[in-house]
Protein backbone atom coordinates (compact mmCIF):
# COMPACT_ATOMS: atom_id res chain seq x y z
CA MET A 1 93.20 76.13 -158.80
CA PHE A 2 89.93 75.88 -159.52
CA GLN A 3 86.65 76.09 -159.68
CA LEU A 4 84.40 72.68 -159.00
CA SER A 5 81.24 72.36 -161.40
CA THR A 6 77.72 71.52 -160.30
CA GLU A 7 78.11 67.95 -160.87
CA GLU A 8 81.02 67.85 -158.70
CA ILE A 9 79.28 69.68 -155.88
CA LYS A 10 76.43 67.31 -156.13
CA ASN A 11 78.85 64.45 -155.15
CA LEU A 12 80.09 66.81 -152.31
CA LYS A 13 76.69 66.88 -150.90
CA SER A 14 75.89 63.35 -150.74
CA GLN A 15 79.57 62.96 -148.54
CA PHE A 16 79.67 65.83 -146.58
CA ALA A 17 77.21 68.03 -144.60
CA ILE A 18 75.40 70.87 -145.92
CA SER A 19 74.37 74.33 -144.53
CA SER A 20 71.43 74.70 -142.57
CA TRP A 21 69.65 76.76 -145.76
CA GLY A 22 70.77 73.67 -148.06
CA GLY A 23 72.95 75.21 -150.92
CA ARG A 24 75.56 77.08 -151.41
CA ARG A 25 75.44 80.94 -152.89
CA PHE A 26 78.86 80.21 -155.38
CA LEU A 27 80.75 77.14 -156.32
CA PRO A 28 83.66 76.34 -154.34
CA PHE A 29 87.64 76.33 -155.84
CA ALA A 30 89.75 73.39 -154.90
CA PHE A 31 93.38 73.10 -155.07
CA THR A 32 95.46 70.29 -157.31
CA GLU A 33 98.48 68.87 -155.32
CA HIS A 34 100.57 71.27 -157.26
CA GLY A 35 98.44 73.75 -156.14
CA ALA A 36 98.04 73.23 -153.03
CA ILE A 37 102.64 73.22 -152.49
CA GLN A 38 102.84 76.17 -154.69
CA VAL A 39 100.22 78.31 -151.95
CA ALA A 40 102.35 76.78 -149.06
CA ASN A 41 105.73 77.80 -150.68
CA VAL A 42 104.04 81.62 -150.81
CA LEU A 43 103.10 81.47 -146.69
CA ASN A 44 106.13 81.35 -144.95
CA SER A 45 104.71 81.38 -141.27
CA LEU A 46 105.47 78.17 -139.34
CA ARG A 47 101.74 76.61 -139.40
CA ALA A 48 101.42 77.25 -143.17
CA ILE A 49 104.95 75.18 -142.97
CA LYS A 50 103.14 72.06 -141.16
CA MET A 51 99.78 72.09 -142.68
CA SER A 52 101.22 72.02 -146.73
CA VAL A 53 103.40 69.04 -145.60
CA TYR A 54 99.91 67.96 -143.97
CA VAL A 55 98.39 68.62 -147.30
CA VAL A 56 100.98 67.17 -149.43
CA ARG A 57 101.13 64.01 -147.21
CA ALA A 58 96.94 63.47 -148.09
CA PHE A 59 97.40 63.85 -151.48
CA VAL A 60 100.29 61.07 -151.40
CA GLN A 61 97.83 59.45 -149.85
CA LEU A 62 95.21 59.16 -151.80
CA ARG A 63 97.33 58.55 -154.75
CA GLU A 64 97.96 55.18 -153.00
CA LEU A 65 94.75 54.91 -152.60
CA CYS A 66 93.27 55.93 -156.24
CA ALA A 67 96.71 52.61 -157.11
CA SER A 68 95.14 49.92 -154.58
CA ASN A 69 91.40 50.99 -155.86
CA LYS A 70 92.91 50.46 -159.29
CA ASP A 71 94.33 47.48 -158.67
CA LEU A 72 91.84 46.13 -156.80
CA ALA A 73 89.99 46.62 -159.83
CA GLN A 74 91.35 45.31 -162.57
CA ARG A 75 91.24 42.19 -160.35
CA LEU A 76 87.73 41.80 -159.72
CA ASP A 77 87.87 42.62 -163.43
CA GLN A 78 90.15 39.59 -163.78
CA LEU A 79 87.63 37.63 -161.64
CA GLU A 80 84.76 38.80 -163.47
CA ALA A 81 85.77 37.76 -166.67
CA ARG A 82 86.64 34.21 -165.35
CA ILE A 83 83.25 33.60 -163.65
CA GLU A 84 82.16 35.22 -166.79
CA LYS A 85 83.80 31.88 -168.92
CA LYS A 86 82.61 29.36 -166.48
CA LEU A 87 79.06 30.57 -166.54
CA THR A 88 78.82 30.88 -170.06
CA THR A 89 80.39 26.73 -170.40
CA HIS A 90 77.84 26.34 -167.72
CA ASP A 91 75.38 27.66 -169.25
CA ALA A 92 75.93 25.88 -172.62
CA ALA A 93 75.91 22.43 -170.91
CA ILE A 94 72.46 23.57 -168.88
CA ALA A 95 70.94 23.90 -171.96
CA ALA A 96 72.17 21.05 -173.73
CA MET A 97 71.11 19.49 -170.92
CA LEU A 98 67.58 20.71 -171.27
CA SER A 99 67.25 19.78 -174.97
CA ALA A 100 68.48 16.53 -173.88
CA ILE A 101 65.65 16.38 -171.68
CA ARG A 102 62.96 17.43 -173.49
CA GLU A 103 63.93 15.02 -176.56
CA LEU A 104 63.61 11.89 -173.36
CA MET A 105 59.77 13.93 -172.69
CA HIS A 106 58.69 13.40 -176.46
CA ALA A 107 58.64 8.92 -176.81
CA PRO A 108 59.76 7.86 -180.30
CA VAL A 109 57.13 6.52 -182.32
CA PRO A 110 57.50 3.14 -182.46
CA LYS A 111 58.27 1.57 -185.72
CA ARG A 112 55.43 -1.08 -186.80
CA ARG A 113 56.33 -3.65 -188.88
CA ALA A 114 54.34 -3.74 -192.13
CA ILE A 115 51.66 -6.83 -191.87
CA GLY A 116 52.22 -9.48 -194.31
CA PHE A 117 55.53 -11.01 -196.18
CA THR A 118 58.12 -7.77 -197.43
CA ALA A 119 61.13 -8.30 -198.89
CA ASN A 120 63.15 -6.08 -197.60
CA LEU A 121 66.70 -7.18 -197.72
CA GLY A 122 68.52 -3.72 -196.24
CA ASP A 123 66.44 -3.98 -193.07
CA PRO A 124 67.79 -6.80 -190.43
CA SER A 125 64.41 -6.59 -188.07
């Protein structure tokens, strides 16, 4: 058993209804999975046994849910990495196209031939 922190209480308030006067007088306690099983072992009534089975099943479902969320998070990370890689290559291609368009927008200065006879043998024009 452990006592919840103030931050954890704020998270719970956003998920559950709060009391009519708007708060708690003390920080609540919570049981871990093993703590819930130990408490259930101390109590010997039929209802306590049923509730302990119920609590253990709830913890098992919670663990499965967390595991499936890890798989989902991993898949989302992989998808995000692939998209990021594609966006990087697309961004580079778009930047190259924009620079080519900008170069085309600035017409090159036409070469003017000098007036008169020149003996430039290396230039065929």
